[in-house]
Amino acid sequence: MIVLPTTAREAILERAREGKPEEICGVLGGEYEPDGRSRVLSQYPAENVAEAPRRRYEIDPERQLRIFECLEDRGEEIVGFYHSHPRGPPRPSATDAARATWPDRTYLIVSLEPLEVGSWRWRTGGDGANAPGDRFEREQLVVE
Protein backbone atom coordinates (compact mmCIF):
# COMPACT_ATOMS: atom_id res chain seq x y z
CA MET A 1 0.00 0.00 0.00
CA ILE A 2 1.10 3.54 -0.67
CA VAL A 3 -0.34 6.64 0.97
CA LEU A 4 -0.29 9.76 -1.22
CA PRO A 5 -1.26 13.22 0.05
CA THR A 6 -4.03 14.91 -1.92
CA THR A 7 -1.73 17.88 -2.59
CA ALA A 8 0.92 15.63 -4.17
CA ARG A 9 -1.70 13.84 -6.27
CA GLU A 10 -3.12 17.14 -7.51
CA ALA A 11 0.35 18.52 -8.34
CA ILE A 12 1.23 15.38 -10.33
CA LEU A 13 -2.11 15.46 -12.19
CA GLU A 14 -1.64 19.13 -13.07
CA ARG A 15 1.86 18.45 -14.41
CA ALA A 16 0.53 15.53 -16.47
CA ARG A 17 -2.17 17.74 -17.99
CA GLU A 18 0.33 20.51 -18.76
CA GLY A 19 2.90 18.07 -20.18
CA LYS A 20 0.52 16.42 -22.62
CA PRO A 21 1.24 15.04 -25.21
CA GLU A 22 4.58 14.09 -23.64
CA GLU A 23 5.03 11.90 -20.59
CA ILE A 24 6.00 13.70 -17.39
CA CYS A 25 8.06 12.11 -14.61
CA GLY A 26 9.43 12.57 -11.14
CA VAL A 27 10.49 11.01 -7.83
CA LEU A 28 8.45 10.26 -4.73
CA GLY A 29 10.09 10.66 -1.31
CA GLY A 30 8.97 9.74 2.18
CA GLU A 31 8.72 6.69 4.40
CA TYR A 32 9.51 3.50 2.50
CA GLU A 33 8.46 -0.04 3.46
CA PRO A 34 9.37 -2.79 0.95
CA ASP A 35 6.45 -5.07 1.81
CA GLY A 36 4.21 -2.79 3.78
CA ARG A 37 2.80 0.69 3.84
CA SER A 38 4.89 3.43 2.26
CA ARG A 39 3.94 7.07 2.74
CA VAL A 40 4.76 9.86 0.30
CA LEU A 41 5.90 13.03 2.04
CA SER A 42 7.30 14.84 -1.00
CA GLN A 43 7.28 14.68 -4.78
CA TYR A 44 9.98 16.05 -7.03
CA PRO A 45 9.28 16.83 -10.69
CA ALA A 46 12.01 16.00 -13.18
CA GLU A 47 12.55 16.72 -16.83
CA ASN A 48 11.76 13.88 -19.21
CA VAL A 49 14.94 13.54 -21.27
CA ALA A 50 13.88 10.43 -23.24
CA GLU A 51 14.57 10.47 -26.97
CA ALA A 52 10.86 9.77 -27.58
CA PRO A 53 9.09 11.57 -24.69
CA ARG A 54 5.64 10.87 -26.15
CA ARG A 55 6.19 7.11 -25.72
CA ARG A 56 8.46 6.76 -22.69
CA TYR A 57 10.16 8.63 -19.90
CA GLU A 58 13.68 9.00 -18.59
CA ILE A 59 14.56 11.13 -15.61
CA ASP A 60 17.50 13.46 -16.18
CA PRO A 61 20.36 11.69 -14.31
CA GLU A 62 21.80 14.90 -12.83
CA ARG A 63 18.38 15.98 -11.54
CA GLN A 64 17.79 12.50 -10.15
CA LEU A 65 21.05 12.66 -8.20
CA ARG A 66 20.12 16.09 -6.81
CA ILE A 67 16.71 14.77 -5.77
CA PHE A 68 18.29 11.77 -4.02
CA GLU A 69 20.67 14.10 -2.15
CA CYS A 70 17.75 16.32 -1.13
CA LEU A 71 15.81 13.31 0.15
CA GLU A 72 18.82 12.20 2.19
CA ASP A 73 19.19 15.71 3.65
CA ARG A 74 15.51 15.66 4.64
CA GLY A 75 15.78 12.21 6.23
CA GLU A 76 13.43 10.73 3.63
CA GLU A 77 13.80 7.62 1.53
CA ILE A 78 13.09 6.94 -2.13
CA VAL A 79 9.50 5.70 -2.11
CA GLY A 80 9.28 5.43 -5.88
CA PHE A 81 8.75 7.20 -9.15
CA TYR A 82 5.87 8.60 -11.18
CA HIS A 83 5.17 9.21 -14.81
CA SER A 84 2.21 9.75 -17.10
CA HIS A 85 0.63 7.88 -19.97
CA PRO A 86 -1.08 10.76 -21.83
CA ARG A 87 -2.91 8.42 -24.22
CA GLY A 88 -2.69 5.13 -22.37
CA PRO A 89 -3.93 3.25 -19.34
CA PRO A 90 -2.64 3.77 -15.78
CA ARG A 91 -0.76 0.48 -15.82
CA PRO A 92 2.83 -0.37 -16.72
CA SER A 93 3.66 -0.82 -20.37
CA ALA A 94 6.10 -3.39 -21.73
CA THR A 95 8.65 -0.57 -21.94
CA ASP A 96 8.05 0.31 -18.28
CA ALA A 97 8.70 -3.31 -17.28
CA ALA A 98 11.82 -3.56 -19.44
CA ARG A 99 13.27 -0.40 -17.88
CA ALA A 100 12.24 -0.87 -14.22
CA THR A 101 15.30 -0.98 -11.97
CA TRP A 102 14.19 -0.23 -8.39
CA PRO A 103 12.97 -3.41 -6.68
CA ASP A 104 10.04 -3.04 -4.28
CA ARG A 105 9.58 0.64 -5.13
CA THR A 106 6.33 2.22 -6.23
CA TYR A 107 5.75 3.23 -9.84
CA LEU A 108 2.81 5.63 -9.91
CA ILE A 109 1.27 6.00 -13.37
CA VAL A 110 -1.15 8.76 -14.38
CA SER A 111 -3.52 8.20 -17.28
CA LEU A 112 -5.17 11.23 -18.83
CA GLU A 113 -7.66 9.33 -21.01
CA PRO A 114 -9.48 8.41 -18.81
CA LEU A 115 -8.15 10.42 -15.87
CA GLU A 116 -6.91 7.81 -13.40
CA VAL A 117 -3.90 7.10 -11.20
CA GLY A 118 -2.56 3.57 -10.77
CA SER A 119 0.10 2.34 -8.38
CA TRP A 120 2.41 -0.61 -8.91
CA ARG A 121 5.42 -2.15 -7.13
CA TRP A 122 8.30 -3.63 -9.10
CA ARG A 123 9.06 -7.13 -7.80
CA THR A 124 12.12 -9.09 -8.79
CA GLY A 125 12.19 -12.85 -9.05
CA GLY A 126 15.83 -13.56 -9.73
CA ASP A 127 19.29 -12.21 -10.36
CA GLY A 128 19.99 -9.51 -12.90
CA ALA A 129 17.78 -7.26 -14.95
CA ASN A 130 14.63 -8.69 -16.53
CA ALA A 131 15.07 -12.07 -14.84
CA PRO A 132 12.25 -14.62 -14.92
CA GLY A 133 9.70 -13.69 -12.31
CA ASP A 134 10.32 -9.94 -12.49
CA ARG A 135 6.96 -8.21 -12.59
CA PHE A 136 4.82 -5.29 -11.55
CA GLU A 137 2.26 -5.96 -8.81
CA ARG A 138 -0.81 -3.78 -8.40
CA GLU A 139 -0.59 -1.77 -5.21
CA GLN A 140 -3.37 -0.20 -3.16
CA LEU A 141 -3.28 3.60 -3.44
CA VAL A 142 -4.73 5.61 -0.58
CA VAL A 143 -5.13 9.36 -1.11
CA GLU A 144 -5.46 11.43 2.06
C-alpha atoms as a PDB file:
ATOM      1  CA  MET A   1       0.000   0.000   0.000  1.00  0.00           C
ATOM      2  CA  ILE A   2       1.096   3.542  -0.670  1.00  0.00           C
ATOM      3  CA  VAL A   3      -0.341   6.641   0.973  1.00  0.00           C
ATOM      4  CA  LEU A   4      -0.288   9.759  -1.220  1.00  0.00           C
ATOM      5  CA  PRO A   5      -1.257  13.219   0.052  1.00  0.00           C
ATOM      6  CA  THR A   6      -4.027  14.906  -1.923  1.00  0.00           C
ATOM      7  CA  THR A   7      -1.729  17.879  -2.585  1.00  0.00           C
ATOM      8  CA  ALA A   8       0.920  15.633  -4.173  1.00  0.00           C
ATOM      9  CA  ARG A   9      -1.700  13.837  -6.268  1.00  0.00           C
ATOM     10  CA  GLU A  10      -3.121  17.138  -7.513  1.00  0.00           C
ATOM     11  CA  ALA A  11       0.351  18.523  -8.342  1.00  0.00           C
ATOM     12  CA  ILE A  12       1.229  15.380 -10.327  1.00  0.00           C
ATOM     13  CA  LEU A  13      -2.114  15.455 -12.187  1.00  0.00           C
ATOM     14  CA  GLU A  14      -1.637  19.130 -13.068  1.00  0.00           C
ATOM     15  CA  ARG A  15       1.860  18.446 -14.412  1.00  0.00           C
ATOM     16  CA  ALA A  16       0.529  15.528 -16.468  1.00  0.00           C
ATOM     17  CA  ARG A  17      -2.166  17.742 -17.994  1.00  0.00           C
ATOM     18  CA  GLU A  18       0.334  20.512 -18.762  1.00  0.00           C
ATOM     19  CA  GLY A  19       2.900  18.072 -20.180  1.00  0.00           C
ATOM     20  CA  LYS A  20       0.520  16.424 -22.624  1.00  0.00           C
ATOM     21  CA  PRO A  21       1.240  15.038 -25.212  1.00  0.00           C
ATOM     22  CA  GLU A  22       4.576  14.093 -23.636  1.00  0.00           C
ATOM     23  CA  GLU A  23       5.034  11.896 -20.586  1.00  0.00           C
ATOM     24  CA  ILE A  24       5.998  13.696 -17.387  1.00  0.00           C
ATOM     25  CA  CYS A  25       8.063  12.113 -14.613  1.00  0.00           C
ATOM     26  CA  GLY A  26       9.431  12.570 -11.136  1.00  0.00           C
ATOM     27  CA  VAL A  27      10.494  11.010  -7.833  1.00  0.00           C
ATOM     28  CA  LEU A  28       8.446  10.256  -4.726  1.00  0.00           C
ATOM     29  CA  GLY A  29      10.089  10.664  -1.307  1.00  0.00           C
ATOM     30  CA  GLY A  30       8.973   9.743   2.179  1.00  0.00           C
ATOM     31  CA  GLU A  31       8.721   6.689   4.397  1.00  0.00           C
ATOM     32  CA  TYR A  32       9.506   3.496   2.504  1.00  0.00           C
ATOM     33  CA  GLU A  33       8.464  -0.036   3.459  1.00  0.00           C
ATOM     34  CA  PRO A  34       9.372  -2.790   0.948  1.00  0.00           C
ATOM     35  CA  ASP A  35       6.447  -5.075   1.806  1.00  0.00           C
ATOM     36  CA  GLY A  36       4.207  -2.788   3.781  1.00  0.00           C
ATOM     37  CA  ARG A  37       2.798   0.693   3.841  1.00  0.00           C
ATOM     38  CA  SER A  38       4.890   3.426   2.260  1.00  0.00           C
ATOM     39  CA  ARG A  39       3.942   7.069   2.736  1.00  0.00           C
ATOM     40  CA  VAL A  40       4.755   9.855   0.298  1.00  0.00           C
ATOM     41  CA  LEU A  41       5.896  13.026   2.039  1.00  0.00           C
ATOM     42  CA  SER A  42       7.296  14.838  -0.996  1.00  0.00           C
ATOM     43  CA  GLN A  43       7.282  14.684  -4.782  1.00  0.00           C
ATOM     44  CA  TYR A  44       9.982  16.052  -7.029  1.00  0.00           C
ATOM     45  CA  PRO A  45       9.282  16.831 -10.686  1.00  0.00           C
ATOM     46  CA  ALA A  46      12.013  16.000 -13.178  1.00  0.00           C
ATOM     47  CA  GLU A  47      12.551  16.722 -16.832  1.00  0.00           C
ATOM     48  CA  ASN A  48      11.760  13.880 -19.210  1.00  0.00           C
ATOM     49  CA  VAL A  49      14.940  13.536 -21.272  1.00  0.00           C
ATOM     50  CA  ALA A  50      13.880  10.432 -23.245  1.00  0.00           C
ATOM     51  CA  GLU A  51      14.567  10.467 -26.973  1.00  0.00           C
ATOM     52  CA  ALA A  52      10.863   9.773 -27.583  1.00  0.00           C
ATOM     53  CA  PRO A  53       9.095  11.566 -24.694  1.00  0.00           C
ATOM     54  CA  ARG A  54       5.642  10.870 -26.153  1.00  0.00           C
ATOM     55  CA  ARG A  55       6.188   7.112 -25.716  1.00  0.00           C
ATOM     56  CA  ARG A  56       8.465   6.756 -22.687  1.00  0.00           C
ATOM     57  CA  TYR A  57      10.159   8.634 -19.901  1.00  0.00           C
ATOM     58  CA  GLU A  58      13.682   8.996 -18.593  1.00  0.00           C
ATOM     59  CA  ILE A  59      14.563  11.134 -15.607  1.00  0.00           C
ATOM     60  CA  ASP A  60      17.496  13.462 -16.175  1.00  0.00           C
ATOM     61  CA  PRO A  61      20.362  11.695 -14.314  1.00  0.00           C
ATOM     62  CA  GLU A  62      21.797  14.899 -12.831  1.00  0.00           C
ATOM     63  CA  ARG A  63      18.379  15.977 -11.542  1.00  0.00           C
ATOM     64  CA  GLN A  64      17.788  12.495 -10.148  1.00  0.00           C
ATOM     65  CA  LEU A  65      21.051  12.659  -8.201  1.00  0.00           C
ATOM     66  CA  ARG A  66      20.118  16.094  -6.805  1.00  0.00           C
ATOM     67  CA  ILE A  67      16.710  14.766  -5.773  1.00  0.00           C
ATOM     68  CA  PHE A  68      18.290  11.773  -4.019  1.00  0.00           C
ATOM     69  CA  GLU A  69      20.672  14.102  -2.150  1.00  0.00           C
ATOM     70  CA  CYS A  70      17.753  16.319  -1.133  1.00  0.00           C
ATOM     71  CA  LEU A  71      15.813  13.307   0.148  1.00  0.00           C
ATOM     72  CA  GLU A  72      18.819  12.205   2.187  1.00  0.00           C
ATOM     73  CA  ASP A  73      19.193  15.707   3.651  1.00  0.00           C
ATOM     74  CA  ARG A  74      15.507  15.656   4.643  1.00  0.00           C
ATOM     75  CA  GLY A  75      15.784  12.211   6.228  1.00  0.00           C
ATOM     76  CA  GLU A  76      13.432  10.727   3.631  1.00  0.00           C
ATOM     77  CA  GLU A  77      13.796   7.620   1.527  1.00  0.00           C
ATOM     78  CA  ILE A  78      13.086   6.941  -2.129  1.00  0.00           C
ATOM     79  CA  VAL A  79       9.499   5.698  -2.111  1.00  0.00           C
ATOM     80  CA  GLY A  80       9.284   5.429  -5.879  1.00  0.00           C
ATOM     81  CA  PHE A  81       8.751   7.201  -9.152  1.00  0.00           C
ATOM     82  CA  TYR A  82       5.874   8.599 -11.177  1.00  0.00           C
ATOM     83  CA  HIS A  83       5.174   9.212 -14.811  1.00  0.00           C
ATOM     84  CA  SER A  84       2.214   9.749 -17.099  1.00  0.00           C
ATOM     85  CA  HIS A  85       0.629   7.880 -19.971  1.00  0.00           C
ATOM     86  CA  PRO A  86      -1.076  10.760 -21.834  1.00  0.00           C
ATOM     87  CA  ARG A  87      -2.906   8.423 -24.216  1.00  0.00           C
ATOM     88  CA  GLY A  88      -2.685   5.128 -22.374  1.00  0.00           C
ATOM     89  CA  PRO A  89      -3.932   3.253 -19.342  1.00  0.00           C
ATOM     90  CA  PRO A  90      -2.641   3.774 -15.780  1.00  0.00           C
ATOM     91  CA  ARG A  91      -0.759   0.482 -15.823  1.00  0.00           C
ATOM     92  CA  PRO A  92       2.829  -0.371 -16.719  1.00  0.00           C
ATOM     93  CA  SER A  93       3.664  -0.818 -20.371  1.00  0.00           C
ATOM     94  CA  ALA A  94       6.098  -3.395 -21.725  1.00  0.00           C
ATOM     95  CA  THR A  95       8.647  -0.568 -21.945  1.00  0.00           C
ATOM     96  CA  ASP A  96       8.055   0.306 -18.279  1.00  0.00           C
ATOM     97  CA  ALA A  97       8.696  -3.312 -17.281  1.00  0.00           C
ATOM     98  CA  ALA A  98      11.820  -3.564 -19.440  1.00  0.00           C
ATOM     99  CA  ARG A  99      13.274  -0.396 -17.879  1.00  0.00           C
ATOM    100  CA  ALA A 100      12.242  -0.875 -14.221  1.00  0.00           C
ATOM    101  CA  THR A 101      15.295  -0.976 -11.967  1.00  0.00           C
ATOM    102  CA  TRP A 102      14.192  -0.227  -8.392  1.00  0.00           C
ATOM    103  CA  PRO A 103      12.966  -3.409  -6.681  1.00  0.00           C
ATOM    104  CA  ASP A 104      10.043  -3.039  -4.284  1.00  0.00           C
ATOM    105  CA  ARG A 105       9.577   0.636  -5.129  1.00  0.00           C
ATOM    106  CA  THR A 106       6.334   2.216  -6.235  1.00  0.00           C
ATOM    107  CA  TYR A 107       5.754   3.232  -9.839  1.00  0.00           C
ATOM    108  CA  LEU A 108       2.810   5.628  -9.908  1.00  0.00           C
ATOM    109  CA  ILE A 109       1.265   5.997 -13.365  1.00  0.00           C
ATOM    110  CA  VAL A 110      -1.146   8.763 -14.378  1.00  0.00           C
ATOM    111  CA  SER A 111      -3.517   8.202 -17.280  1.00  0.00           C
ATOM    112  CA  LEU A 112      -5.172  11.232 -18.833  1.00  0.00           C
ATOM    113  CA  GLU A 113      -7.660   9.330 -21.014  1.00  0.00           C
ATOM    114  CA  PRO A 114      -9.480   8.410 -18.815  1.00  0.00           C
ATOM    115  CA  LEU A 115      -8.146  10.415 -15.870  1.00  0.00           C
ATOM    116  CA  GLU A 116      -6.912   7.813 -13.395  1.00  0.00           C
ATOM    117  CA  VAL A 117      -3.903   7.097 -11.196  1.00  0.00           C
ATOM    118  CA  GLY A 118      -2.564   3.571 -10.772  1.00  0.00           C
ATOM    119  CA  SER A 119       0.095   2.344  -8.380  1.00  0.00           C
ATOM    120  CA  TRP A 120       2.409  -0.609  -8.913  1.00  0.00           C
ATOM    121  CA  ARG A 121       5.415  -2.151  -7.130  1.00  0.00           C
ATOM    122  CA  TRP A 122       8.303  -3.629  -9.102  1.00  0.00           C
ATOM    123  CA  ARG A 123       9.056  -7.126  -7.800  1.00  0.00           C
ATOM    124  CA  THR A 124      12.123  -9.088  -8.793  1.00  0.00           C
ATOM    125  CA  GLY A 125      12.194 -12.850  -9.047  1.00  0.00           C
ATOM    126  CA  GLY A 126      15.832 -13.556  -9.732  1.00  0.00           C
ATOM    127  CA  ASP A 127      19.288 -12.208 -10.362  1.00  0.00           C
ATOM    128  CA  GLY A 128      19.986  -9.514 -12.901  1.00  0.00           C
ATOM    129  CA  ALA A 129      17.778  -7.259 -14.954  1.00  0.00           C
ATOM    130  CA  ASN A 130      14.633  -8.694 -16.525  1.00  0.00           C
ATOM    131  CA  ALA A 131      15.072 -12.072 -14.837  1.00  0.00           C
ATOM    132  CA  PRO A 132      12.254 -14.619 -14.918  1.00  0.00           C
ATOM    133  CA  GLY A 133       9.699 -13.693 -12.306  1.00  0.00           C
ATOM    134  CA  ASP A 134      10.323  -9.936 -12.490  1.00  0.00           C
ATOM    135  CA  ARG A 135       6.960  -8.205 -12.593  1.00  0.00           C
ATOM    136  CA  PHE A 136       4.818  -5.291 -11.552  1.00  0.00           C
ATOM    137  CA  GLU A 137       2.259  -5.962  -8.808  1.00  0.00           C
ATOM    138  CA  ARG A 138      -0.814  -3.780  -8.403  1.00  0.00           C
ATOM    139  CA  GLU A 139      -0.586  -1.767  -5.206  1.00  0.00           C
ATOM    140  CA  GLN A 140      -3.367  -0.196  -3.163  1.00  0.00           C
ATOM    141  CA  LEU A 141      -3.277   3.600  -3.444  1.00  0.00           C
ATOM    142  CA  VAL A 142      -4.729   5.611  -0.577  1.00  0.00           C
ATOM    143  CA  VAL A 143      -5.125   9.357  -1.113  1.00  0.00           C
ATOM    144  CA  GLU A 144      -5.461  11.431   2.058  1.00  0.00           C
END
